[in-house]
Amino acid sequence: MTVALVLHRADGAPLSTSFRRAAFGKNDPFARNREIAWEGPDSMIAGRVSLVGEHRIASFPHIETIVVVEGELTLETAGQAPLVLGPGAGAVVGCGTALRMSAESRTRFVFCAAACKRPTKTGLAPLRADADFKPTATLPADVLLGPAPECRSDNAFTEDDVEYKAGTWDSTPYHRIVRPHRMNEFMHLLAGGVRFAAPDGSVLSMGAGDALFVPQGAPIGWESSERVAKFYVVQSVHASTGRD
């Protein structure tokens, strides 16, 4: 079983992840540029996109969270101020959004997208490193290998139809056993470092600027020795939507 897929390394180190060029449905605006690292039975994908130039999309065909890792991307939709995303900045595009996207030079972003047949929230939702954090529940004692952490989050976008949530999260240091991951989760680390343990004893070390995806059910552990902050996307159930 795949434990975690590295989507980007901030230091430019080579990736062991395999990417395949493919579209996400017949109306995918990035069909020629999309590289998929993971595609699940729940109509969710994760990977990376490289592009340059202008894209005008009358109705965005799915939900997509993007985090720029190289270059600069401008997103424009009616009724909102333009979003200019440089490296480390991100946003969620709601399904059905009319969008103009432009990049003056080669730009790359990592993504986590999901199909959605009955969208309830259109527009752009920026992700903020300086989020309006609110305390959230800590981890259960039976999975911890040390003191319980203090966790906070700021959920910026929710699409109930497919149990899709995106936002910003941080935590004090903690150490957790290897256990099946409870959800599909995309992570882009903003601060700190994490050592992700696999059942065979191997460890994947990730730091600020790195991005990865952990599929639901993948056995994985967590160990951090400093504050960690991340952009996240989670999907806690298998969606039944499919896509065109």
C-alpha atoms as a PDB file:
ATOM      1  CA  MET A   1       0.000   0.000   0.000  1.00  0.00           C
ATOM      2  CA  THR A   2       1.167   3.522  -0.817  1.00  0.00           C
ATOM      3  CA  VAL A   3       1.985   5.346   2.406  1.00  0.00           C
ATOM      4  CA  ALA A   4       2.649   8.883   1.151  1.00  0.00           C
ATOM      5  CA  LEU A   5       3.329  10.528  -2.192  1.00  0.00           C
ATOM      6  CA  VAL A   6       5.726  13.470  -2.309  1.00  0.00           C
ATOM      7  CA  LEU A   7       4.406  16.101  -4.735  1.00  0.00           C
ATOM      8  CA  HIS A   8       7.114  18.744  -4.312  1.00  0.00           C
ATOM      9  CA  ARG A   9      10.447  19.312  -2.604  1.00  0.00           C
ATOM     10  CA  ALA A  10      11.325  22.932  -1.868  1.00  0.00           C
ATOM     11  CA  ASP A  11      15.040  22.197  -2.277  1.00  0.00           C
ATOM     12  CA  GLY A  12      14.537  20.760  -5.755  1.00  0.00           C
ATOM     13  CA  ALA A  13      15.563  17.243  -4.743  1.00  0.00           C
ATOM     14  CA  PRO A  14      14.443  14.457  -7.131  1.00  0.00           C
ATOM     15  CA  LEU A  15      11.117  12.803  -6.330  1.00  0.00           C
ATOM     16  CA  SER A  16      10.483   9.070  -6.181  1.00  0.00           C
ATOM     17  CA  THR A  17       6.791   9.687  -6.919  1.00  0.00           C
ATOM     18  CA  SER A  18       5.553   8.617 -10.343  1.00  0.00           C
ATOM     19  CA  PHE A  19       3.401  11.137 -12.204  1.00  0.00           C
ATOM     20  CA  ARG A  20       1.269  10.477 -15.280  1.00  0.00           C
ATOM     21  CA  ARG A  21      -0.072  13.088 -17.677  1.00  0.00           C
ATOM     22  CA  ALA A  22      -3.859  12.838 -17.717  1.00  0.00           C
ATOM     23  CA  ALA A  23      -6.985  14.980 -17.653  1.00  0.00           C
ATOM     24  CA  PHE A  24      -9.442  15.013 -14.749  1.00  0.00           C
ATOM     25  CA  GLY A  25     -12.617  14.536 -16.747  1.00  0.00           C
ATOM     26  CA  LYS A  26     -13.413  15.727 -20.270  1.00  0.00           C
ATOM     27  CA  ASN A  27     -13.694  19.428 -19.320  1.00  0.00           C
ATOM     28  CA  ASP A  28     -10.442  19.708 -17.360  1.00  0.00           C
ATOM     29  CA  PRO A  29      -8.950  23.173 -18.098  1.00  0.00           C
ATOM     30  CA  PHE A  30      -5.458  21.837 -17.376  1.00  0.00           C
ATOM     31  CA  ALA A  31      -5.782  18.656 -19.423  1.00  0.00           C
ATOM     32  CA  ARG A  32      -2.515  19.246 -21.322  1.00  0.00           C
ATOM     33  CA  ASN A  33      -0.560  20.293 -18.256  1.00  0.00           C
ATOM     34  CA  ARG A  34      -1.814  18.064 -15.463  1.00  0.00           C
ATOM     35  CA  GLU A  35       0.428  15.428 -13.884  1.00  0.00           C
ATOM     36  CA  ILE A  36      -1.433  13.076 -11.559  1.00  0.00           C
ATOM     37  CA  ALA A  37       0.387  11.307  -8.732  1.00  0.00           C
ATOM     38  CA  TRP A  38      -2.691   9.734  -7.122  1.00  0.00           C
ATOM     39  CA  GLU A  39      -6.257   9.082  -8.190  1.00  0.00           C
ATOM     40  CA  GLY A  40      -8.686   7.380  -5.845  1.00  0.00           C
ATOM     41  CA  PRO A  41     -12.002   5.580  -6.204  1.00  0.00           C
ATOM     42  CA  ASP A  42     -13.594   8.567  -4.462  1.00  0.00           C
ATOM     43  CA  SER A  43     -13.169  10.981  -7.397  1.00  0.00           C
ATOM     44  CA  MET A  44     -10.203  12.781  -5.833  1.00  0.00           C
ATOM     45  CA  ILE A  45      -6.784  13.369  -7.392  1.00  0.00           C
ATOM     46  CA  ALA A  46      -3.493  14.954  -6.347  1.00  0.00           C
ATOM     47  CA  GLY A  47      -0.425  16.010  -8.301  1.00  0.00           C
ATOM     48  CA  ARG A  48       1.116  19.024 -10.009  1.00  0.00           C
ATOM     49  CA  VAL A  49       0.534  21.378 -12.951  1.00  0.00           C
ATOM     50  CA  SER A  50       2.984  23.512 -14.949  1.00  0.00           C
ATOM     51  CA  LEU A  51       1.631  26.277 -17.184  1.00  0.00           C
ATOM     52  CA  VAL A  52       2.199  29.681 -18.732  1.00  0.00           C
ATOM     53  CA  GLY A  53      -0.185  32.117 -20.381  1.00  0.00           C
ATOM     54  CA  GLU A  54      -3.875  32.827 -19.900  1.00  0.00           C
ATOM     55  CA  HIS A  55      -6.752  30.437 -19.263  1.00  0.00           C
ATOM     56  CA  ARG A  56     -10.399  31.549 -19.281  1.00  0.00           C
ATOM     57  CA  ILE A  57     -12.826  29.047 -17.769  1.00  0.00           C
ATOM     58  CA  ALA A  58     -16.553  29.684 -18.028  1.00  0.00           C
ATOM     59  CA  SER A  59     -17.459  27.190 -15.307  1.00  0.00           C
ATOM     60  CA  PHE A  60     -14.755  25.391 -13.360  1.00  0.00           C
ATOM     61  CA  PRO A  61     -15.669  21.678 -13.664  1.00  0.00           C
ATOM     62  CA  HIS A  62     -14.561  20.490 -10.207  1.00  0.00           C
ATOM     63  CA  ILE A  63     -13.163  21.710  -6.874  1.00  0.00           C
ATOM     64  CA  GLU A  64      -9.437  22.338  -6.845  1.00  0.00           C
ATOM     65  CA  THR A  65      -7.017  23.503  -4.176  1.00  0.00           C
ATOM     66  CA  ILE A  66      -3.791  24.883  -5.628  1.00  0.00           C
ATOM     67  CA  VAL A  67      -0.560  25.943  -3.932  1.00  0.00           C
ATOM     68  CA  VAL A  68       2.035  27.690  -6.075  1.00  0.00           C
ATOM     69  CA  VAL A  69       5.577  26.362  -5.719  1.00  0.00           C
ATOM     70  CA  GLU A  70       7.257  28.222  -8.596  1.00  0.00           C
ATOM     71  CA  GLY A  71       6.424  31.460 -10.433  1.00  0.00           C
ATOM     72  CA  GLU A  72       3.324  33.600  -9.963  1.00  0.00           C
ATOM     73  CA  LEU A  73      -0.326  32.922 -10.736  1.00  0.00           C
ATOM     74  CA  THR A  74      -3.169  35.460 -10.919  1.00  0.00           C
ATOM     75  CA  LEU A  75      -6.747  34.287 -10.347  1.00  0.00           C
ATOM     76  CA  GLU A  76      -9.697  36.545 -11.192  1.00  0.00           C
ATOM     77  CA  THR A  77     -13.436  36.005 -10.794  1.00  0.00           C
ATOM     78  CA  ALA A  78     -16.375  38.411 -10.717  1.00  0.00           C
ATOM     79  CA  GLY A  79     -17.155  40.019  -7.389  1.00  0.00           C
ATOM     80  CA  GLN A  80     -13.755  39.345  -5.798  1.00  0.00           C
ATOM     81  CA  ALA A  81     -10.433  41.152  -5.830  1.00  0.00           C
ATOM     82  CA  PRO A  82      -7.802  39.374  -7.946  1.00  0.00           C
ATOM     83  CA  LEU A  83      -5.669  36.860  -6.099  1.00  0.00           C
ATOM     84  CA  VAL A  84      -1.962  36.954  -6.923  1.00  0.00           C
ATOM     85  CA  LEU A  85      -0.289  33.777  -5.709  1.00  0.00           C
ATOM     86  CA  GLY A  86       3.472  33.484  -5.405  1.00  0.00           C
ATOM     87  CA  PRO A  87       5.461  30.524  -4.057  1.00  0.00           C
ATOM     88  CA  GLY A  88       3.887  29.157  -0.879  1.00  0.00           C
ATOM     89  CA  ALA A  89       0.508  30.843  -1.456  1.00  0.00           C
ATOM     90  CA  GLY A  90      -2.680  28.950  -2.208  1.00  0.00           C
ATOM     91  CA  ALA A  91      -6.402  29.104  -2.903  1.00  0.00           C
ATOM     92  CA  VAL A  92      -9.434  26.909  -3.466  1.00  0.00           C
ATOM     93  CA  VAL A  93     -11.464  27.207  -6.664  1.00  0.00           C
ATOM     94  CA  GLY A  94     -15.092  26.216  -6.129  1.00  0.00           C
ATOM     95  CA  CYS A  95     -16.890  24.063  -8.696  1.00  0.00           C
ATOM     96  CA  GLY A  96     -18.861  26.210 -11.164  1.00  0.00           C
ATOM     97  CA  THR A  97     -16.646  29.294 -10.764  1.00  0.00           C
ATOM     98  CA  ALA A  98     -16.111  31.515 -13.828  1.00  0.00           C
ATOM     99  CA  LEU A  99     -12.370  32.112 -13.748  1.00  0.00           C
ATOM    100  CA  ARG A 100      -9.527  33.884 -15.510  1.00  0.00           C
ATOM    101  CA  MET A 101      -6.132  32.424 -14.652  1.00  0.00           C
ATOM    102  CA  SER A 102      -2.868  33.876 -15.931  1.00  0.00           C
ATOM    103  CA  ALA A 103       0.858  33.281 -15.530  1.00  0.00           C
ATOM    104  CA  GLU A 104       3.332  35.592 -17.300  1.00  0.00           C
ATOM    105  CA  SER A 105       6.171  33.077 -16.975  1.00  0.00           C
ATOM    106  CA  ARG A 106       6.407  29.359 -16.325  1.00  0.00           C
ATOM    107  CA  THR A 107       4.532  28.599 -13.112  1.00  0.00           C
ATOM    108  CA  ARG A 108       4.056  25.358 -11.227  1.00  0.00           C
ATOM    109  CA  PHE A 109       1.514  24.491  -8.579  1.00  0.00           C
ATOM    110  CA  VAL A 110       0.627  21.389  -6.609  1.00  0.00           C
ATOM    111  CA  PHE A 111      -3.040  20.492  -6.358  1.00  0.00           C
ATOM    112  CA  CYS A 112      -5.734  18.375  -4.766  1.00  0.00           C
ATOM    113  CA  ALA A 113      -9.003  18.217  -6.726  1.00  0.00           C
ATOM    114  CA  ALA A 114     -12.326  16.460  -6.367  1.00  0.00           C
ATOM    115  CA  ALA A 115     -15.347  15.932  -8.610  1.00  0.00           C
ATOM    116  CA  CYS A 116     -18.594  17.514  -7.428  1.00  0.00           C
ATOM    117  CA  LYS A 117     -21.991  17.053  -9.070  1.00  0.00           C
ATOM    118  CA  ARG A 118     -24.000  19.301  -6.754  1.00  0.00           C
ATOM    119  CA  PRO A 119     -21.754  22.254  -5.842  1.00  0.00           C
ATOM    120  CA  THR A 120     -22.921  24.623  -3.127  1.00  0.00           C
ATOM    121  CA  LYS A 121     -20.018  27.082  -2.996  1.00  0.00           C
ATOM    122  CA  THR A 122     -18.475  28.892  -5.978  1.00  0.00           C
ATOM    123  CA  GLY A 123     -15.756  31.541  -6.065  1.00  0.00           C
ATOM    124  CA  LEU A 124     -12.209  31.696  -4.748  1.00  0.00           C
ATOM    125  CA  ALA A 125     -11.190  30.980  -1.163  1.00  0.00           C
ATOM    126  CA  PRO A 126      -7.631  32.119  -0.360  1.00  0.00           C
ATOM    127  CA  LEU A 127      -5.530  30.046   2.012  1.00  0.00           C
ATOM    128  CA  ARG A 128      -3.704  32.094   4.648  1.00  0.00           C
ATOM    129  CA  ALA A 129      -0.529  31.267   6.496  1.00  0.00           C
ATOM    130  CA  ASP A 130      -1.558  33.932   9.034  1.00  0.00           C
ATOM    131  CA  ALA A 131      -4.941  32.258   9.463  1.00  0.00           C
ATOM    132  CA  ASP A 132      -7.597  32.993  12.074  1.00  0.00           C
ATOM    133  CA  PHE A 133      -6.686  29.906  14.066  1.00  0.00           C
ATOM    134  CA  LYS A 134      -9.154  28.351  16.487  1.00  0.00           C
ATOM    135  CA  PRO A 135      -8.371  25.530  18.960  1.00  0.00           C
ATOM    136  CA  THR A 136      -9.335  22.050  17.804  1.00  0.00           C
ATOM    137  CA  ALA A 137      -9.393  18.667  19.513  1.00  0.00           C
ATOM    138  CA  THR A 138      -6.089  16.990  20.275  1.00  0.00           C
ATOM    139  CA  LEU A 139      -5.266  13.368  19.422  1.00  0.00           C
ATOM    140  CA  PRO A 140      -6.549  10.428  21.480  1.00  0.00           C
ATOM    141  CA  ALA A 141      -4.133   9.220  24.147  1.00  0.00           C
ATOM    142  CA  ASP A 142      -3.957   5.678  22.786  1.00  0.00           C
ATOM    143  CA  VAL A 143      -2.188   6.788  19.579  1.00  0.00           C
ATOM    144  CA  LEU A 144       0.309   9.168  21.195  1.00  0.00           C
ATOM    145  CA  LEU A 145       3.893   8.340  22.148  1.00  0.00           C
ATOM    146  CA  GLY A 146       4.324  11.421  24.312  1.00  0.00           C
ATOM    147  CA  PRO A 147       2.466  14.529  25.489  1.00  0.00           C
ATOM    148  CA  ALA A 148      -0.739  15.578  23.763  1.00  0.00           C
ATOM    149  CA  PRO A 149      -0.275  18.480  21.329  1.00  0.00           C
ATOM    150  CA  GLU A 150      -2.198  21.721  21.146  1.00  0.00           C
ATOM    151  CA  CYS A 151      -3.797  21.930  17.693  1.00  0.00           C
ATOM    152  CA  ARG A 152      -5.485  24.809  15.865  1.00  0.00           C
ATOM    153  CA  SER A 153      -7.118  25.190  12.476  1.00  0.00           C
ATOM    154  CA  ASP A 154      -8.869  27.656  10.194  1.00  0.00           C
ATOM    155  CA  ASN A 155     -11.176  25.970   7.690  1.00  0.00           C
ATOM    156  CA  ALA A 156     -11.354  28.218   4.617  1.00  0.00           C
ATOM    157  CA  PHE A 157     -13.536  26.112   2.323  1.00  0.00           C
ATOM    158  CA  THR A 158     -16.080  23.298   2.723  1.00  0.00           C
ATOM    159  CA  GLU A 159     -18.049  21.410   0.083  1.00  0.00           C
ATOM    160  CA  ASP A 160     -20.423  19.092   1.910  1.00  0.00           C
ATOM    161  CA  ASP A 161     -21.429  17.151  -1.212  1.00  0.00           C
ATOM    162  CA  VAL A 162     -18.058  15.397  -1.293  1.00  0.00           C
ATOM    163  CA  GLU A 163     -16.850  15.980   2.292  1.00  0.00           C
ATOM    164  CA  TYR A 164     -14.086  18.254   0.978  1.00  0.00           C
ATOM    165  CA  LYS A 165     -12.449  20.696   3.398  1.00  0.00           C
ATOM    166  CA  ALA A 166      -9.436  22.951   2.963  1.00  0.00           C
ATOM    167  CA  GLY A 167      -7.676  25.410   5.217  1.00  0.00           C
ATOM    168  CA  THR A 168      -4.688  26.023   7.490  1.00  0.00           C
ATOM    169  CA  TRP A 169      -3.644  23.997  10.556  1.00  0.00           C
ATOM    170  CA  ASP A 170      -0.860  24.132  13.127  1.00  0.00           C
ATOM    171  CA  SER A 171       0.251  22.149  16.144  1.00  0.00           C
ATOM    172  CA  THR A 172       2.791  21.965  18.908  1.00  0.00           C
ATOM    173  CA  PRO A 173       5.254  19.022  18.662  1.00  0.00           C
ATOM    174  CA  TYR A 174       3.991  15.452  19.073  1.00  0.00           C
ATOM    175  CA  HIS A 175       4.788  11.822  18.301  1.00  0.00           C
ATOM    176  CA  ARG A 176       2.108   9.422  17.039  1.00  0.00           C
ATOM    177  CA  ILE A 177       2.108   5.699  16.335  1.00  0.00           C
ATOM    178  CA  VAL A 178       1.849   4.253  12.832  1.00  0.00           C
ATOM    179  CA  ARG A 179      -1.879   3.813  12.135  1.00  0.00           C
ATOM    180  CA  PRO A 180      -4.225   3.859   9.116  1.00  0.00           C
ATOM    181  CA  HIS A 181      -4.776   7.445   8.003  1.00  0.00           C
ATOM    182  CA  ARG A 182      -8.388   8.383   8.661  1.00  0.00           C
ATOM    183  CA  MET A 183      -8.917  10.444   5.508  1.00  0.00           C
ATOM    184  CA  ASN A 184      -7.471  11.438   2.167  1.00  0.00           C
ATOM    185  CA  GLU A 185      -5.160  14.335   2.969  1.00  0.00           C
ATOM    186  CA  PHE A 186      -3.107  16.802   0.967  1.00  0.00           C
ATOM    187  CA  MET A 187      -0.514  18.771   2.925  1.00  0.00           C
ATOM    188  CA  HIS A 188       1.728  21.700   2.030  1.00  0.00           C
ATOM    189  CA  LEU A 189       4.030  22.440   4.958  1.00  0.00           C
ATOM    190  CA  LEU A 190       4.401  26.101   5.842  1.00  0.00           C
ATOM    191  CA  ALA A 191       6.616  25.832   8.918  1.00  0.00           C
ATOM    192  CA  GLY A 192       8.465  23.154  10.847  1.00  0.00           C
ATOM    193  CA  GLY A 193       9.334  19.606   9.866  1.00  0.00           C
ATOM    194  CA  VAL A 194       7.671  16.206  10.145  1.00  0.00           C
ATOM    195  CA  ARG A 195       9.046  12.666  10.092  1.00  0.00           C
ATOM    196  CA  PHE A 196       6.439  10.310   8.645  1.00  0.00           C
ATOM    197  CA  ALA A 197       7.029   6.678   9.654  1.00  0.00           C
ATOM    198  CA  ALA A 198       6.011   3.676   7.537  1.00  0.00           C
ATOM    199  CA  PRO A 199       5.223   0.158   8.834  1.00  0.00           C
ATOM    200  CA  ASP A 200       8.584  -1.157   7.583  1.00  0.00           C
ATOM    201  CA  GLY A 201      10.441   1.327   9.794  1.00  0.00           C
ATOM    202  CA  SER A 202      11.422   3.707   6.997  1.00  0.00           C
ATOM    203  CA  VAL A 203      10.962   7.435   7.589  1.00  0.00           C
ATOM    204  CA  LEU A 204       9.998  10.193   5.162  1.00  0.00           C
ATOM    205  CA  SER A 205      11.248  13.602   6.309  1.00  0.00           C
ATOM    206  CA  MET A 206       9.406  16.690   5.054  1.00  0.00           C
ATOM    207  CA  GLY A 207       9.995  20.371   5.752  1.00  0.00           C
ATOM    208  CA  ALA A 208       8.667  23.848   5.027  1.00  0.00           C
ATOM    209  CA  GLY A 209       7.792  24.288   1.361  1.00  0.00           C
ATOM    210  CA  ASP A 210       7.328  20.565   0.740  1.00  0.00           C
ATOM    211  CA  ALA A 211       4.006  19.013  -0.324  1.00  0.00           C
ATOM    212  CA  LEU A 212       2.640  15.472  -0.081  1.00  0.00           C
ATOM    213  CA  PHE A 213      -0.531  13.421  -0.269  1.00  0.00           C
ATOM    214  CA  VAL A 214      -1.556  10.607   2.107  1.00  0.00           C
ATOM    215  CA  PRO A 215      -4.413   8.337   0.939  1.00  0.00           C
ATOM    216  CA  GLN A 216      -7.129   7.260   3.330  1.00  0.00           C
ATOM    217  CA  GLY A 217      -6.167   4.000   5.047  1.00  0.00           C
ATOM    218  CA  ALA A 218      -2.433   4.337   4.417  1.00  0.00           C
ATOM    219  CA  PRO A 219      -0.487   3.262   7.546  1.00  0.00           C
ATOM    220  CA  ILE A 220       1.617   6.225   8.645  1.00  0.00           C
ATOM    221  CA  GLY A 221       3.116   7.747  11.808  1.00  0.00           C
ATOM    222  CA  TRP A 222       3.984  11.346  12.709  1.00  0.00           C
ATOM    223  CA  GLU A 223       6.856  12.844  14.703  1.00  0.00           C
ATOM    224  CA  SER A 224       7.598  16.556  15.017  1.00  0.00           C
ATOM    225  CA  SER A 225       9.932  18.393  17.379  1.00  0.00           C
ATOM    226  CA  GLU A 226       8.791  21.971  16.650  1.00  0.00           C
ATOM    227  CA  ARG A 227       5.649  23.855  15.702  1.00  0.00           C
ATOM    228  CA  VAL A 228       4.292  22.617  12.389  1.00  0.00           C
ATOM    229  CA  ALA A 229       1.921  24.598  10.186  1.00  0.00           C
ATOM    230  CA  LYS A 230       0.373  23.437   6.923  1.00  0.00           C
ATOM    231  CA  PHE A 231      -2.234  24.068   4.280  1.00  0.00           C
ATOM    232  CA  TYR A 232      -4.480  21.030   4.122  1.00  0.00           C
ATOM    233  CA  VAL A 233      -7.207  19.388   2.115  1.00  0.00           C
ATOM    234  CA  VAL A 234      -9.104  16.508   3.694  1.00  0.00           C
ATOM    235  CA  GLN A 235     -11.826  14.203   2.455  1.00  0.00           C
ATOM    236  CA  SER A 236     -13.062  11.937   5.196  1.00  0.00           C
ATOM    237  CA  VAL A 237     -15.444   9.679   3.281  1.00  0.00           C
ATOM    238  CA  HIS A 238     -15.588   7.992  -0.089  1.00  0.00           C
ATOM    239  CA  ALA A 239     -17.630  10.245  -2.349  1.00  0.00           C
ATOM    240  CA  SER A 240     -20.128   8.716  -4.746  1.00  0.00           C
ATOM    241  CA  THR A 241     -20.188  11.490  -7.318  1.00  0.00           C
ATOM    242  CA  GLY A 242     -18.030  10.325 -10.210  1.00  0.00           C
ATOM    243  CA  ARG A 243     -17.270  12.813 -12.984  1.00  0.00           C
ATOM    244  CA  ASP A 244     -18.039  13.584 -16.610  1.00  0.00           C
END
